[in-house]
Amino acid sequence: MNALPTPTQGPCVKCGGTQDQGFLLEMAHGNSYSATKWVAGAPEKSFWLGLKLNGKAQYSVQTYRCRNCGYLESYAL
């Protein structure tokens, strides 16, 4: 199996510009905030919680944004 790429703050793959590390923001109930997560599989509706997540793999998302062109490069870690 091939190793996953390690996220780095290297040059933008689209234009070669400088990238800044950041994150994608989620707004939760009661105006609380959290960072976006990647969830395995297709979304399934839940009556009480919006989406069913039981037993699904979840990974934090690390994102970089190019200062020049705005391109976003994300990694699920």
Protein backbone atom coordinates (compact mmCIF):
# COMPACT_ATOMS: atom_id res chain seq x y z
CA MET A 1 0.00 0.00 0.00
CA ASN A 2 1.25 3.52 -0.82
CA ALA A 3 1.79 5.99 2.00
CA LEU A 4 -0.58 8.95 2.16
CA PRO A 5 0.92 12.34 1.29
CA THR A 6 1.99 14.39 4.28
CA PRO A 7 0.27 17.80 4.30
CA THR A 8 2.81 20.56 3.89
CA GLN A 9 2.73 24.29 3.43
CA GLY A 10 4.51 24.00 0.08
CA PRO A 11 3.68 25.95 -3.07
CA CYS A 12 0.18 25.86 -4.57
CA VAL A 13 -0.25 23.00 -7.06
CA LYS A 14 -2.27 25.29 -9.37
CA CYS A 15 -0.22 28.50 -9.58
CA GLY A 16 2.88 28.02 -7.40
CA GLY A 17 1.77 30.70 -4.92
CA THR A 18 2.25 30.68 -1.16
CA GLN A 19 -0.28 28.70 0.91
CA ASP A 20 -1.57 29.38 4.41
CA GLN A 21 -2.85 26.68 6.76
CA GLY A 22 -6.43 27.03 7.97
CA PHE A 23 -9.63 25.04 8.49
CA LEU A 24 -13.20 24.82 7.24
CA LEU A 25 -15.69 26.10 9.82
CA GLU A 26 -18.96 24.38 10.74
CA MET A 27 -21.76 26.14 12.60
CA ALA A 28 -23.44 23.85 15.14
CA HIS A 29 -26.54 24.08 17.32
CA GLY A 30 -26.61 27.09 19.61
CA ASN A 31 -24.13 29.05 17.47
CA SER A 32 -21.18 26.88 18.55
CA TYR A 33 -18.33 26.30 16.10
CA SER A 34 -16.31 23.26 15.07
CA ALA A 35 -13.85 22.26 12.35
CA THR A 36 -15.07 20.18 9.40
CA LYS A 37 -14.68 16.40 9.45
CA TRP A 38 -14.61 13.92 6.57
CA VAL A 39 -17.01 10.99 7.08
CA ALA A 40 -16.81 7.68 5.19
CA GLY A 41 -19.79 6.64 3.04
CA ALA A 42 -22.85 8.38 1.68
CA PRO A 43 -24.87 10.68 3.98
CA GLU A 44 -27.89 9.00 5.62
CA LYS A 45 -30.65 11.13 7.14
CA SER A 46 -31.44 10.82 10.84
CA PHE A 47 -34.69 12.09 12.30
CA TRP A 48 -33.11 13.42 15.52
CA LEU A 49 -29.54 14.31 14.59
CA GLY A 50 -29.69 15.35 10.94
CA LEU A 51 -27.29 12.61 9.76
CA LYS A 52 -26.47 9.09 10.97
CA LEU A 53 -22.81 8.71 11.96
CA ASN A 54 -22.78 5.45 13.98
CA GLY A 55 -19.80 3.29 13.06
CA LYS A 56 -18.62 5.56 10.24
CA ALA A 57 -14.94 6.50 10.09
CA GLN A 58 -14.36 10.20 10.75
CA TYR A 59 -11.21 12.24 10.10
CA SER A 60 -10.27 15.83 10.85
CA VAL A 61 -9.80 17.96 7.73
CA GLN A 62 -6.62 20.04 7.37
CA THR A 63 -6.86 22.69 4.64
CA TYR A 64 -4.42 25.05 2.93
CA ARG A 65 -5.44 28.16 0.92
CA CYS A 66 -3.33 29.78 -1.78
CA ARG A 67 -2.80 33.52 -1.19
CA ASN A 68 -2.58 34.12 -4.94
CA CYS A 69 -5.42 32.16 -6.57
CA GLY A 70 -7.53 31.02 -3.58
CA TYR A 71 -7.22 27.30 -4.39
CA LEU A 72 -8.01 25.05 -1.40
CA GLU A 73 -6.07 21.84 -0.80
CA SER A 74 -7.53 19.60 1.91
CA TYR A 75 -6.34 16.45 3.67
CA ALA A 76 -8.40 14.09 5.86
CA LEU A 77 -6.15 13.01 8.76
